[in-house]
């Protein structure tokens, strides 16, 4: 009769080892999952991120515009001050030379007391005449000395002013470089995101519609009200640049950023505007924030920090330079939150 043996039960130690191995396998699997490549963002996710980056890029671009304008002004001021210092130094040198010549003449003639020289002179009349000349020379010396002191004070002040302006220029140049680097960083990040999409999807995001493109150019311009005066000229010039590429820091005539388009268009009408959208938000007279009160040529400044600007053209539309990758086009005036409307 065959014997039946009970299967050998695993030892407690073996069970412990197997359980630990299983736990390790689960942990390793979890780690692999955790370190797996993140899911590729879809078109909508890329679009949202690109919109945000392009807004941030435009903010940085307006900082750059402001810093560049300030640096240009400071550089011009520094050049003028340095020219003044150079001319002042030349005048100081001339005064010093004249004073030295007068002092030398007096030294050569002033070794004997004037009364003694009169007594010893064989020509008293000639001596008295010469003495009068010496008195005049002494008076000239005193005037020259005073002019010399005044010029030294002016020169010292000019040197201090020049040094202060140059120091401010260094600070402004650093701000300019920081803003430039920030713009480049945002654009590179946006481009990296766009590169994950197909060419058609990239184009639809940068120029297609929605927030990233800030609206399509579908307005019927034949129905727009006609503006007169310099505002009419500015509107006409701005609309004439539709299709010109957005380039940050550009003021035309071939490419523009948002505030640069406003500067260029109004310059064609003989009107000078400040360089940045923030400064343009304070120009002229306020029309409030209700676009229904706007007239063609008014500047419509957007967002709380006023980092974007367009020009009202009538019919509830503005013309503007949207962002990198897009072109000058029209959009509904209320496509973005209005901060202020200004009448130039």
C-alpha atoms as a PDB file:
ATOM      1  CA  UNK A   1       0.000   0.000   0.000  1.00  0.00           C
ATOM      2  CA  UNK A   2       1.469   3.250  -1.056  1.00  0.00           C
ATOM      3  CA  UNK A   3       2.209   5.722   1.623  1.00  0.00           C
ATOM      4  CA  UNK A   4       0.881   9.293   1.382  1.00  0.00           C
ATOM      5  CA  UNK A   5       3.210  11.965   2.725  1.00  0.00           C
ATOM      6  CA  UNK A   6       1.958  15.418   3.600  1.00  0.00           C
ATOM      7  CA  UNK A   7       3.587  18.146   1.478  1.00  0.00           C
ATOM      8  CA  UNK A   8       6.311  19.871   3.311  1.00  0.00           C
ATOM      9  CA  UNK A   9       5.209  23.277   4.604  1.00  0.00           C
ATOM     10  CA  UNK A  10       7.522  26.205   3.836  1.00  0.00           C
ATOM     11  CA  UNK A  11       9.476  27.332   6.785  1.00  0.00           C
ATOM     12  CA  UNK A  12       8.691  30.642   8.431  1.00  0.00           C
ATOM     13  CA  UNK A  13      12.071  31.991   7.319  1.00  0.00           C
ATOM     14  CA  UNK A  14      11.350  31.098   3.714  1.00  0.00           C
ATOM     15  CA  UNK A  15       7.976  32.841   3.824  1.00  0.00           C
ATOM     16  CA  UNK A  16       9.648  35.928   5.218  1.00  0.00           C
ATOM     17  CA  UNK A  17      12.213  35.968   2.411  1.00  0.00           C
ATOM     18  CA  UNK A  18       9.565  35.538  -0.278  1.00  0.00           C
ATOM     19  CA  UNK A  19       7.398  38.274   1.200  1.00  0.00           C
ATOM     20  CA  UNK A  20      10.336  40.671   1.329  1.00  0.00           C
ATOM     21  CA  UNK A  21      11.229  39.881  -2.272  1.00  0.00           C
ATOM     22  CA  UNK A  22       7.683  40.576  -3.392  1.00  0.00           C
ATOM     23  CA  UNK A  23       7.651  43.863  -1.511  1.00  0.00           C
ATOM     24  CA  UNK A  24      10.941  44.836  -3.123  1.00  0.00           C
ATOM     25  CA  UNK A  25       9.572  44.029  -6.552  1.00  0.00           C
ATOM     26  CA  UNK A  26       6.504  46.171  -5.893  1.00  0.00           C
ATOM     27  CA  UNK A  27       8.673  49.046  -4.658  1.00  0.00           C
ATOM     28  CA  UNK A  28      10.950  48.838  -7.687  1.00  0.00           C
ATOM     29  CA  UNK A  29       7.942  48.793  -9.967  1.00  0.00           C
ATOM     30  CA  UNK A  30       6.596  51.897  -8.252  1.00  0.00           C
ATOM     31  CA  UNK A  31       9.950  53.648  -8.638  1.00  0.00           C
ATOM     32  CA  UNK A  32      10.093  52.801 -12.332  1.00  0.00           C
ATOM     33  CA  UNK A  33       6.588  54.186 -12.763  1.00  0.00           C
ATOM     34  CA  UNK A  34       7.493  57.312 -10.833  1.00  0.00           C
ATOM     35  CA  UNK A  35      10.537  57.937 -13.028  1.00  0.00           C
ATOM     36  CA  UNK A  36       8.799  57.163 -16.278  1.00  0.00           C
ATOM     37  CA  UNK A  37       8.743  59.968 -18.825  1.00  0.00           C
ATOM     38  CA  UNK A  38       5.880  62.391 -18.121  1.00  0.00           C
ATOM     39  CA  UNK A  39       2.966  62.277 -20.471  1.00  0.00           C
ATOM     40  CA  UNK A  40       3.431  64.410 -23.550  1.00  0.00           C
ATOM     41  CA  UNK A  41       1.265  67.559 -23.261  1.00  0.00           C
ATOM     42  CA  UNK A  42      -1.560  67.784 -25.737  1.00  0.00           C
ATOM     43  CA  UNK A  43      -2.231  70.740 -27.990  1.00  0.00           C
ATOM     44  CA  UNK A  44      -4.559  72.503 -25.559  1.00  0.00           C
ATOM     45  CA  UNK A  45      -2.057  72.174 -22.703  1.00  0.00           C
ATOM     46  CA  UNK A  46       0.766  73.468 -24.879  1.00  0.00           C
ATOM     47  CA  UNK A  47      -1.399  76.374 -26.023  1.00  0.00           C
ATOM     48  CA  UNK A  48      -2.210  77.386 -22.437  1.00  0.00           C
ATOM     49  CA  UNK A  49       1.457  77.287 -21.444  1.00  0.00           C
ATOM     50  CA  UNK A  50       2.561  79.144 -24.581  1.00  0.00           C
ATOM     51  CA  UNK A  51      -0.063  81.844 -23.982  1.00  0.00           C
ATOM     52  CA  UNK A  52       1.282  82.356 -20.472  1.00  0.00           C
ATOM     53  CA  UNK A  53       4.900  82.447 -21.623  1.00  0.00           C
ATOM     54  CA  UNK A  54       4.184  84.899 -24.436  1.00  0.00           C
ATOM     55  CA  UNK A  55       2.387  87.212 -22.019  1.00  0.00           C
ATOM     56  CA  UNK A  56       5.397  87.043 -19.693  1.00  0.00           C
ATOM     57  CA  UNK A  57       7.704  87.631 -22.669  1.00  0.00           C
ATOM     58  CA  UNK A  58       5.752  90.722 -23.639  1.00  0.00           C
ATOM     59  CA  UNK A  59       5.967  92.051 -20.080  1.00  0.00           C
ATOM     60  CA  UNK A  60       9.737  91.525 -20.183  1.00  0.00           C
ATOM     61  CA  UNK A  61       9.908  93.165 -23.620  1.00  0.00           C
ATOM     62  CA  UNK A  62       8.221  96.320 -22.298  1.00  0.00           C
ATOM     63  CA  UNK A  63      10.698  96.338 -19.388  1.00  0.00           C
ATOM     64  CA  UNK A  64      13.445  96.130 -21.990  1.00  0.00           C
ATOM     65  CA  UNK A  65      11.935  99.021 -23.954  1.00  0.00           C
ATOM     66  CA  UNK A  66      11.801 101.181 -20.828  1.00  0.00           C
ATOM     67  CA  UNK A  67      15.339 100.291 -19.777  1.00  0.00           C
ATOM     68  CA  UNK A  68      16.657 100.945 -23.290  1.00  0.00           C
ATOM     69  CA  UNK A  69      14.950 104.333 -23.473  1.00  0.00           C
ATOM     70  CA  UNK A  70      16.411 105.299 -20.114  1.00  0.00           C
ATOM     71  CA  UNK A  71      19.875 104.023 -21.040  1.00  0.00           C
ATOM     72  CA  UNK A  72      19.803 105.994 -24.302  1.00  0.00           C
ATOM     73  CA  UNK A  73      18.848 109.175 -22.445  1.00  0.00           C
ATOM     74  CA  UNK A  74      21.524 108.642 -19.807  1.00  0.00           C
ATOM     75  CA  UNK A  75      24.157 107.921 -22.442  1.00  0.00           C
ATOM     76  CA  UNK A  76      23.326 111.165 -24.225  1.00  0.00           C
ATOM     77  CA  UNK A  77      23.388 113.063 -20.924  1.00  0.00           C
ATOM     78  CA  UNK A  78      26.721 111.503 -19.982  1.00  0.00           C
ATOM     79  CA  UNK A  79      28.232 112.472 -23.341  1.00  0.00           C
ATOM     80  CA  UNK A  80      27.096 116.084 -22.880  1.00  0.00           C
ATOM     81  CA  UNK A  81      28.489 116.235 -19.341  1.00  0.00           C
ATOM     82  CA  UNK A  82      31.801 114.756 -20.419  1.00  0.00           C
ATOM     83  CA  UNK A  83      32.038 117.352 -23.205  1.00  0.00           C
ATOM     84  CA  UNK A  84      31.366 120.081 -20.623  1.00  0.00           C
ATOM     85  CA  UNK A  85      34.059 118.653 -18.363  1.00  0.00           C
ATOM     86  CA  UNK A  86      36.570 118.620 -21.248  1.00  0.00           C
ATOM     87  CA  UNK A  87      35.774 122.239 -22.175  1.00  0.00           C
ATOM     88  CA  UNK A  88      35.897 123.261 -18.524  1.00  0.00           C
ATOM     89  CA  UNK A  89      39.318 121.683 -18.132  1.00  0.00           C
ATOM     90  CA  UNK A  90      40.596 123.614 -21.157  1.00  0.00           C
ATOM     91  CA  UNK A  91      39.306 126.881 -19.696  1.00  0.00           C
ATOM     92  CA  UNK A  92      40.876 126.033 -16.363  1.00  0.00           C
ATOM     93  CA  UNK A  93      44.213 125.368 -18.039  1.00  0.00           C
ATOM     94  CA  UNK A  94      44.034 128.708 -19.896  1.00  0.00           C
ATOM     95  CA  UNK A  95      43.226 130.606 -16.690  1.00  0.00           C
ATOM     96  CA  UNK A  96      46.052 128.869 -14.867  1.00  0.00           C
ATOM     97  CA  UNK A  97      48.520 129.760 -17.633  1.00  0.00           C
ATOM     98  CA  UNK A  98      47.438 133.426 -17.615  1.00  0.00           C
ATOM     99  CA  UNK A  99      47.704 133.619 -13.843  1.00  0.00           C
ATOM    100  CA  UNK A 100      51.169 132.100 -13.912  1.00  0.00           C
ATOM    101  CA  UNK A 101      52.364 134.674 -16.488  1.00  0.00           C
ATOM    102  CA  UNK A 102      51.075 137.616 -14.424  1.00  0.00           C
ATOM    103  CA  UNK A 103      52.574 136.195 -11.246  1.00  0.00           C
ATOM    104  CA  UNK A 104      55.944 135.769 -12.990  1.00  0.00           C
ATOM    105  CA  UNK A 105      56.013 139.402 -14.119  1.00  0.00           C
ATOM    106  CA  UNK A 106      55.168 140.611 -10.638  1.00  0.00           C
ATOM    107  CA  UNK A 107      57.816 138.412  -9.110  1.00  0.00           C
ATOM    108  CA  UNK A 108      60.478 139.751 -11.462  1.00  0.00           C
ATOM    109  CA  UNK A 109      59.502 143.363 -10.753  1.00  0.00           C
ATOM    110  CA  UNK A 110      58.576 143.097  -7.111  1.00  0.00           C
ATOM    111  CA  UNK A 111      61.876 142.442  -5.389  1.00  0.00           C
ATOM    112  CA  UNK A 112      62.332 146.131  -4.221  1.00  0.00           C
ATOM    113  CA  UNK A 113      59.871 148.251  -2.298  1.00  0.00           C
ATOM    114  CA  UNK A 114      58.004 150.585  -4.735  1.00  0.00           C
ATOM    115  CA  UNK A 115      59.037 153.768  -2.835  1.00  0.00           C
ATOM    116  CA  UNK A 116      62.719 152.757  -2.964  1.00  0.00           C
ATOM    117  CA  UNK A 117      62.465 152.016  -6.677  1.00  0.00           C
ATOM    118  CA  UNK A 118      60.945 155.483  -7.212  1.00  0.00           C
ATOM    119  CA  UNK A 119      63.829 157.133  -5.333  1.00  0.00           C
ATOM    120  CA  UNK A 120      66.417 155.186  -7.335  1.00  0.00           C
ATOM    121  CA  UNK A 121      64.737 155.657 -10.647  1.00  0.00           C
ATOM    122  CA  UNK A 122      66.436 157.956 -13.160  1.00  0.00           C
ATOM    123  CA  UNK A 123      63.074 158.466 -14.836  1.00  0.00           C
ATOM    124  CA  UNK A 124      60.409 158.993 -12.138  1.00  0.00           C
ATOM    125  CA  UNK A 125      57.692 159.729 -14.676  1.00  0.00           C
ATOM    126  CA  UNK A 126      58.453 156.527 -16.525  1.00  0.00           C
ATOM    127  CA  UNK A 127      58.506 154.580 -13.291  1.00  0.00           C
ATOM    128  CA  UNK A 128      55.127 155.960 -12.201  1.00  0.00           C
ATOM    129  CA  UNK A 129      53.665 155.000 -15.547  1.00  0.00           C
ATOM    130  CA  UNK A 130      55.111 151.518 -15.189  1.00  0.00           C
ATOM    131  CA  UNK A 131      53.823 151.260 -11.619  1.00  0.00           C
ATOM    132  CA  UNK A 132      50.341 152.047 -12.876  1.00  0.00           C
ATOM    133  CA  UNK A 133      50.688 149.160 -15.292  1.00  0.00           C
ATOM    134  CA  UNK A 134      51.752 146.904 -12.410  1.00  0.00           C
ATOM    135  CA  UNK A 135      48.672 147.949 -10.438  1.00  0.00           C
ATOM    136  CA  UNK A 136      46.509 147.075 -13.393  1.00  0.00           C
ATOM    137  CA  UNK A 137      48.288 143.745 -13.687  1.00  0.00           C
ATOM    138  CA  UNK A 138      47.655 143.071 -10.008  1.00  0.00           C
ATOM    139  CA  UNK A 139      43.982 143.835 -10.494  1.00  0.00           C
ATOM    140  CA  UNK A 140      43.897 141.511 -13.516  1.00  0.00           C
ATOM    141  CA  UNK A 141      45.608 138.844 -11.437  1.00  0.00           C
ATOM    142  CA  UNK A 142      42.949 139.118  -8.750  1.00  0.00           C
ATOM    143  CA  UNK A 143      40.154 138.809 -11.327  1.00  0.00           C
ATOM    144  CA  UNK A 144      41.889 135.880 -12.972  1.00  0.00           C
ATOM    145  CA  UNK A 145      42.312 134.176  -9.604  1.00  0.00           C
ATOM    146  CA  UNK A 146      38.598 134.581  -8.855  1.00  0.00           C
ATOM    147  CA  UNK A 147      37.693 133.224 -12.321  1.00  0.00           C
ATOM    148  CA  UNK A 148      40.057 130.327 -11.706  1.00  0.00           C
ATOM    149  CA  UNK A 149      38.382 129.466  -8.401  1.00  0.00           C
ATOM    150  CA  UNK A 150      34.910 129.722  -9.957  1.00  0.00           C
ATOM    151  CA  UNK A 151      35.929 127.501 -12.845  1.00  0.00           C
ATOM    152  CA  UNK A 152      37.418 124.934 -10.471  1.00  0.00           C
ATOM    153  CA  UNK A 153      34.129 124.760  -8.571  1.00  0.00           C
ATOM    154  CA  UNK A 154      32.120 124.379 -11.781  1.00  0.00           C
ATOM    155  CA  UNK A 155      34.477 121.709 -13.072  1.00  0.00           C
ATOM    156  CA  UNK A 156      34.271 119.768  -9.820  1.00  0.00           C
ATOM    157  CA  UNK A 157      30.455 119.902  -9.942  1.00  0.00           C
ATOM    158  CA  UNK A 158      30.391 118.767 -13.569  1.00  0.00           C
ATOM    159  CA  UNK A 159      32.692 115.850 -12.768  1.00  0.00           C
ATOM    160  CA  UNK A 160      30.415 114.784  -9.902  1.00  0.00           C
ATOM    161  CA  UNK A 161      27.334 114.997 -12.128  1.00  0.00           C
ATOM    162  CA  UNK A 162      29.050 113.009 -14.871  1.00  0.00           C
ATOM    163  CA  UNK A 163      30.128 110.316 -12.402  1.00  0.00           C
ATOM    164  CA  UNK A 164      26.570 110.037 -11.026  1.00  0.00           C
ATOM    165  CA  UNK A 165      25.071 109.752 -14.506  1.00  0.00           C
ATOM    166  CA  UNK A 166      27.627 107.117 -15.522  1.00  0.00           C
ATOM    167  CA  UNK A 167      26.845 105.096 -12.392  1.00  0.00           C
ATOM    168  CA  UNK A 168      23.117 105.297 -13.168  1.00  0.00           C
ATOM    169  CA  UNK A 169      23.882 104.281 -16.748  1.00  0.00           C
ATOM    170  CA  UNK A 170      25.680 101.170 -15.490  1.00  0.00           C
ATOM    171  CA  UNK A 171      22.622 100.251 -13.405  1.00  0.00           C
ATOM    172  CA  UNK A 172      20.258 100.906 -16.316  1.00  0.00           C
ATOM    173  CA  UNK A 173      22.426  98.822 -18.645  1.00  0.00           C
ATOM    174  CA  UNK A 174      22.272  95.929 -16.191  1.00  0.00           C
ATOM    175  CA  UNK A 175      18.468  96.218 -16.065  1.00  0.00           C
ATOM    176  CA  UNK A 176      18.466  96.269 -19.871  1.00  0.00           C
ATOM    177  CA  UNK A 177      20.522  93.091 -20.070  1.00  0.00           C
ATOM    178  CA  UNK A 178      18.389  91.363 -17.426  1.00  0.00           C
ATOM    179  CA  UNK A 179      15.198  92.186 -19.344  1.00  0.00           C
ATOM    180  CA  UNK A 180      16.756  91.014 -22.605  1.00  0.00           C
ATOM    181  CA  UNK A 181      17.788  87.703 -21.032  1.00  0.00           C
ATOM    182  CA  UNK A 182      14.310  87.265 -19.572  1.00  0.00           C
ATOM    183  CA  UNK A 183      12.712  87.796 -22.989  1.00  0.00           C
ATOM    184  CA  UNK A 184      15.039  85.257 -24.578  1.00  0.00           C
ATOM    185  CA  UNK A 185      14.404  82.730 -21.814  1.00  0.00           C
ATOM    186  CA  UNK A 186      10.608  82.970 -22.196  1.00  0.00           C
ATOM    187  CA  UNK A 187      10.830  82.661 -25.972  1.00  0.00           C
ATOM    188  CA  UNK A 188      13.123  79.634 -25.779  1.00  0.00           C
ATOM    189  CA  UNK A 189      10.790  77.942 -23.307  1.00  0.00           C
ATOM    190  CA  UNK A 190       7.772  78.651 -25.504  1.00  0.00           C
ATOM    191  CA  UNK A 191       9.579  77.369 -28.584  1.00  0.00           C
ATOM    192  CA  UNK A 192      10.539  74.155 -26.779  1.00  0.00           C
ATOM    193  CA  UNK A 193       6.868  73.548 -26.011  1.00  0.00           C
ATOM    194  CA  UNK A 194       5.815  74.332 -29.560  1.00  0.00           C
ATOM    195  CA  UNK A 195       8.440  71.939 -30.911  1.00  0.00           C
ATOM    196  CA  UNK A 196       6.529  69.049 -29.316  1.00  0.00           C
ATOM    197  CA  UNK A 197       3.665  69.687 -31.758  1.00  0.00           C
ATOM    198  CA  UNK A 198       3.233  69.281 -35.476  1.00  0.00           C
ATOM    199  CA  UNK A 199       3.904  72.216 -37.771  1.00  0.00           C
ATOM    200  CA  UNK A 200       0.160  72.695 -38.367  1.00  0.00           C
ATOM    201  CA  UNK A 201      -0.575  72.760 -34.633  1.00  0.00           C
ATOM    202  CA  UNK A 202       2.272  75.186 -34.011  1.00  0.00           C
ATOM    203  CA  UNK A 203       0.901  77.560 -36.621  1.00  0.00           C
ATOM    204  CA  UNK A 204      -2.640  77.318 -35.277  1.00  0.00           C
ATOM    205  CA  UNK A 205      -1.416  78.303 -31.810  1.00  0.00           C
ATOM    206  CA  UNK A 206       0.828  81.200 -32.815  1.00  0.00           C
ATOM    207  CA  UNK A 207      -1.355  82.638 -35.561  1.00  0.00           C
ATOM    208  CA  UNK A 208      -4.600  80.738 -35.548  1.00  0.00           C
ATOM    209  CA  UNK A 209      -6.922  82.246 -32.979  1.00  0.00           C
ATOM    210  CA  UNK A 210      -7.759  82.416 -29.331  1.00  0.00           C
ATOM    211  CA  UNK A 211      -5.631  83.923 -26.619  1.00  0.00           C
ATOM    212  CA  UNK A 212      -2.234  83.091 -28.047  1.00  0.00           C
ATOM    213  CA  UNK A 213      -2.896  84.905 -31.290  1.00  0.00           C
ATOM    214  CA  UNK A 214      -5.101  87.549 -29.673  1.00  0.00           C
ATOM    215  CA  UNK A 215      -7.731  87.328 -32.360  1.00  0.00           C
ATOM    216  CA  UNK A 216      -7.978  86.862 -36.097  1.00  0.00           C
ATOM    217  CA  UNK A 217      -7.993  89.635 -38.669  1.00  0.00           C
ATOM    218  CA  UNK A 218     -11.511  89.320 -40.062  1.00  0.00           C
ATOM    219  CA  UNK A 219     -12.869  92.875 -39.791  1.00  0.00           C
ATOM    220  CA  UNK A 220     -14.462  94.556 -42.803  1.00  0.00           C
ATOM    221  CA  UNK A 221     -12.419  97.745 -42.995  1.00  0.00           C
ATOM    222  CA  UNK A 222     -14.771  99.307 -45.515  1.00  0.00           C
ATOM    223  CA  UNK A 223     -17.351  99.874 -42.755  1.00  0.00           C
ATOM    224  CA  UNK A 224     -14.988 101.628 -40.335  1.00  0.00           C
ATOM    225  CA  UNK A 225     -15.608 105.276 -39.421  1.00  0.00           C
ATOM    226  CA  UNK A 226     -13.146 107.699 -40.954  1.00  0.00           C
ATOM    227  CA  UNK A 227     -11.032 109.620 -38.452  1.00  0.00           C
ATOM    228  CA  UNK A 228      -9.613 113.040 -39.207  1.00  0.00           C
ATOM    229  CA  UNK A 229      -6.480 114.931 -38.196  1.00  0.00           C
ATOM    230  CA  UNK A 230      -3.386 113.266 -36.848  1.00  0.00           C
ATOM    231  CA  UNK A 231      -5.453 110.449 -35.292  1.00  0.00           C
ATOM    232  CA  UNK A 232      -6.739 109.570 -38.740  1.00  0.00           C
ATOM    233  CA  UNK A 233      -3.202 109.519 -40.127  1.00  0.00           C
ATOM    234  CA  UNK A 234      -2.053 107.247 -37.269  1.00  0.00           C
ATOM    235  CA  UNK A 235      -4.936 104.808 -37.832  1.00  0.00           C
ATOM    236  CA  UNK A 236      -4.253 104.661 -41.553  1.00  0.00           C
ATOM    237  CA  UNK A 237      -0.524 104.083 -41.048  1.00  0.00           C
ATOM    238  CA  UNK A 238      -1.058 101.393 -38.405  1.00  0.00           C
ATOM    239  CA  UNK A 239      -3.576  99.538 -40.574  1.00  0.00           C
ATOM    240  CA  UNK A 240      -1.164  99.790 -43.481  1.00  0.00           C
ATOM    241  CA  UNK A 241       1.289  97.654 -41.496  1.00  0.00           C
ATOM    242  CA  UNK A 242      -1.014  94.651 -41.148  1.00  0.00           C
ATOM    243  CA  UNK A 243       1.006  91.541 -41.860  1.00  0.00           C
ATOM    244  CA  UNK A 244       4.288  93.053 -40.602  1.00  0.00           C
ATOM    245  CA  UNK A 245       5.946  90.664 -38.136  1.00  0.00           C
ATOM    246  CA  UNK A 246       6.044  91.207 -34.399  1.00  0.00           C
ATOM    247  CA  UNK A 247       9.637  91.624 -33.200  1.00  0.00           C
ATOM    248  CA  UNK A 248      10.197  92.609 -29.597  1.00  0.00           C
ATOM    249  CA  UNK A 249      11.992  95.941 -29.237  1.00  0.00           C
ATOM    250  CA  UNK A 250      11.153  96.969 -32.822  1.00  0.00           C
ATOM    251  CA  UNK A 251       9.621 100.320 -33.802  1.00  0.00           C
ATOM    252  CA  UNK A 252       9.306  99.813 -37.557  1.00  0.00           C
ATOM    253  CA  UNK A 253       9.119 100.343 -40.329  1.00  0.00           C
ATOM    254  CA  UNK A 254       9.365  96.650 -41.193  1.00  0.00           C
ATOM    255  CA  UNK A 255       8.578  95.054 -37.822  1.00  0.00           C
ATOM    256  CA  UNK A 256       7.052  96.130 -34.532  1.00  0.00           C
ATOM    257  CA  UNK A 257       6.266  95.270 -30.962  1.00  0.00           C
ATOM    258  CA  UNK A 258       2.974  96.460 -29.466  1.00  0.00           C
ATOM    259  CA  UNK A 259       4.109  99.867 -28.202  1.00  0.00           C
ATOM    260  CA  UNK A 260       6.528 100.270 -31.116  1.00  0.00           C
ATOM    261  CA  UNK A 261       3.613 100.170 -33.566  1.00  0.00           C
ATOM    262  CA  UNK A 262       1.905 103.004 -31.679  1.00  0.00           C
ATOM    263  CA  UNK A 263       5.119 105.066 -31.614  1.00  0.00           C
ATOM    264  CA  UNK A 264       5.713 104.588 -35.338  1.00  0.00           C
ATOM    265  CA  UNK A 265       2.127 105.217 -36.474  1.00  0.00           C
ATOM    266  CA  UNK A 266       1.788 108.459 -34.525  1.00  0.00           C
ATOM    267  CA  UNK A 267       5.270 109.597 -35.572  1.00  0.00           C
ATOM    268  CA  UNK A 268       4.027 109.493 -39.183  1.00  0.00           C
ATOM    269  CA  UNK A 269       1.419 112.060 -38.087  1.00  0.00           C
ATOM    270  CA  UNK A 270       4.077 114.235 -36.432  1.00  0.00           C
ATOM    271  CA  UNK A 271       3.164 113.195 -32.877  1.00  0.00           C
ATOM    272  CA  UNK A 272       5.765 111.833 -30.446  1.00  0.00           C
ATOM    273  CA  UNK A 273       4.650 109.093 -28.036  1.00  0.00           C
ATOM    274  CA  UNK A 274       6.533 107.582 -25.104  1.00  0.00           C
ATOM    275  CA  UNK A 275       8.247 104.284 -25.891  1.00  0.00           C
ATOM    276  CA  UNK A 276       6.549 101.827 -23.525  1.00  0.00           C
ATOM    277  CA  UNK A 277       2.947 100.673 -23.195  1.00  0.00           C
ATOM    278  CA  UNK A 278       3.062 101.646 -19.512  1.00  0.00           C
ATOM    279  CA  UNK A 279       4.040 105.227 -20.365  1.00  0.00           C
ATOM    280  CA  UNK A 280       1.533 105.319 -23.199  1.00  0.00           C
ATOM    281  CA  UNK A 281      -1.100 104.463 -20.587  1.00  0.00           C
ATOM    282  CA  UNK A 282      -0.619 107.956 -19.135  1.00  0.00           C
ATOM    283  CA  UNK A 283      -0.380 109.995 -22.322  1.00  0.00           C
ATOM    284  CA  UNK A 284      -3.069 112.441 -23.426  1.00  0.00           C
ATOM    285  CA  UNK A 285      -6.529 112.431 -21.846  1.00  0.00           C
ATOM    286  CA  UNK A 286      -8.261 109.497 -20.179  1.00  0.00           C
ATOM    287  CA  UNK A 287     -11.361 108.072 -21.854  1.00  0.00           C
ATOM    288  CA  UNK A 288     -11.941 105.578 -19.038  1.00  0.00           C
ATOM    289  CA  UNK A 289     -12.260 101.843 -19.675  1.00  0.00           C
ATOM    290  CA  UNK A 290     -15.544 101.623 -21.603  1.00  0.00           C
ATOM    291  CA  UNK A 291     -14.579 101.074 -25.221  1.00  0.00           C
ATOM    292  CA  UNK A 292     -17.941 102.401 -26.385  1.00  0.00           C
ATOM    293  CA  UNK A 293     -16.550 105.868 -25.603  1.00  0.00           C
ATOM    294  CA  UNK A 294     -13.437 105.314 -27.720  1.00  0.00           C
ATOM    295  CA  UNK A 295     -12.713 107.113 -30.979  1.00  0.00           C
ATOM    296  CA  UNK A 296     -10.432 105.999 -33.834  1.00  0.00           C
ATOM    297  CA  UNK A 297      -6.826 106.718 -32.899  1.00  0.00           C
ATOM    298  CA  UNK A 298      -7.322 106.214 -29.151  1.00  0.00           C
ATOM    299  CA  UNK A 299      -4.752 104.001 -27.426  1.00  0.00           C
ATOM    300  CA  UNK A 300      -6.287 100.997 -25.677  1.00  0.00           C
ATOM    301  CA  UNK A 301      -3.949  99.729 -22.954  1.00  0.00           C
ATOM    302  CA  UNK A 302      -4.513  96.247 -21.536  1.00  0.00           C
ATOM    303  CA  UNK A 303      -3.973  94.331 -18.277  1.00  0.00           C
ATOM    304  CA  UNK A 304      -3.319  95.622 -14.779  1.00  0.00           C
ATOM    305  CA  UNK A 305       0.377  96.135 -15.466  1.00  0.00           C
ATOM    306  CA  UNK A 306      -0.391  97.721 -18.871  1.00  0.00           C
ATOM    307  CA  UNK A 307       2.001  95.484 -20.770  1.00  0.00           C
ATOM    308  CA  UNK A 308       0.037  95.497 -24.040  1.00  0.00           C
ATOM    309  CA  UNK A 309      -1.437  98.269 -26.184  1.00  0.00           C
ATOM    310  CA  UNK A 310      -3.459  98.563 -29.376  1.00  0.00           C
ATOM    311  CA  UNK A 311      -5.033 101.387 -31.387  1.00  0.00           C
ATOM    312  CA  UNK A 312      -8.804 101.710 -31.648  1.00  0.00           C
ATOM    313  CA  UNK A 313      -9.914 101.858 -35.281  1.00  0.00           C
ATOM    314  CA  UNK A 314     -13.688 101.910 -34.793  1.00  0.00           C
ATOM    315  CA  UNK A 315     -16.330  99.216 -35.124  1.00  0.00           C
ATOM    316  CA  UNK A 316     -15.308  97.664 -31.822  1.00  0.00           C
ATOM    317  CA  UNK A 317     -11.850  96.765 -33.178  1.00  0.00           C
ATOM    318  CA  UNK A 318      -8.215  97.638 -32.528  1.00  0.00           C
ATOM    319  CA  UNK A 319      -5.082  97.139 -34.604  1.00  0.00           C
ATOM    320  CA  UNK A 320      -2.083  95.821 -32.681  1.00  0.00           C
ATOM    321  CA  UNK A 321       1.139  93.836 -32.818  1.00  0.00           C
ATOM    322  CA  UNK A 322       0.304  90.680 -30.821  1.00  0.00           C
ATOM    323  CA  UNK A 323       3.416  88.682 -29.895  1.00  0.00           C
ATOM    324  CA  UNK A 324       6.415  86.774 -31.217  1.00  0.00           C
ATOM    325  CA  UNK A 325       5.403  84.486 -34.068  1.00  0.00           C
ATOM    326  CA  UNK A 326       2.447  86.634 -35.077  1.00  0.00           C
ATOM    327  CA  UNK A 327       1.917  89.701 -37.254  1.00  0.00           C
ATOM    328  CA  UNK A 328       0.248  93.103 -36.983  1.00  0.00           C
ATOM    329  CA  UNK A 329      -3.505  92.488 -37.163  1.00  0.00           C
ATOM    330  CA  UNK A 330      -6.882  93.576 -35.846  1.00  0.00           C
ATOM    331  CA  UNK A 331      -8.857  92.086 -32.975  1.00  0.00           C
ATOM    332  CA  UNK A 332     -12.007  92.884 -30.978  1.00  0.00           C
ATOM    333  CA  UNK A 333     -11.264  95.752 -28.605  1.00  0.00           C
ATOM    334  CA  UNK A 334     -12.500  93.776 -25.596  1.00  0.00           C
ATOM    335  CA  UNK A 335     -10.541  90.591 -26.339  1.00  0.00           C
ATOM    336  CA  UNK A 336      -8.326  91.380 -23.338  1.00  0.00           C
ATOM    337  CA  UNK A 337      -8.993  93.204 -20.060  1.00  0.00           C
ATOM    338  CA  UNK A 338      -8.817  96.968 -20.651  1.00  0.00           C
ATOM    339  CA  UNK A 339      -6.769  98.981 -18.170  1.00  0.00           C
ATOM    340  CA  UNK A 340      -7.262 102.438 -19.722  1.00  0.00           C
ATOM    341  CA  UNK A 341      -8.131 104.182 -22.968  1.00  0.00           C
ATOM    342  CA  UNK A 342      -6.159 107.308 -23.835  1.00  0.00           C
ATOM    343  CA  UNK A 343      -6.908 110.027 -26.348  1.00  0.00           C
ATOM    344  CA  UNK A 344      -3.673 111.406 -27.777  1.00  0.00           C
END
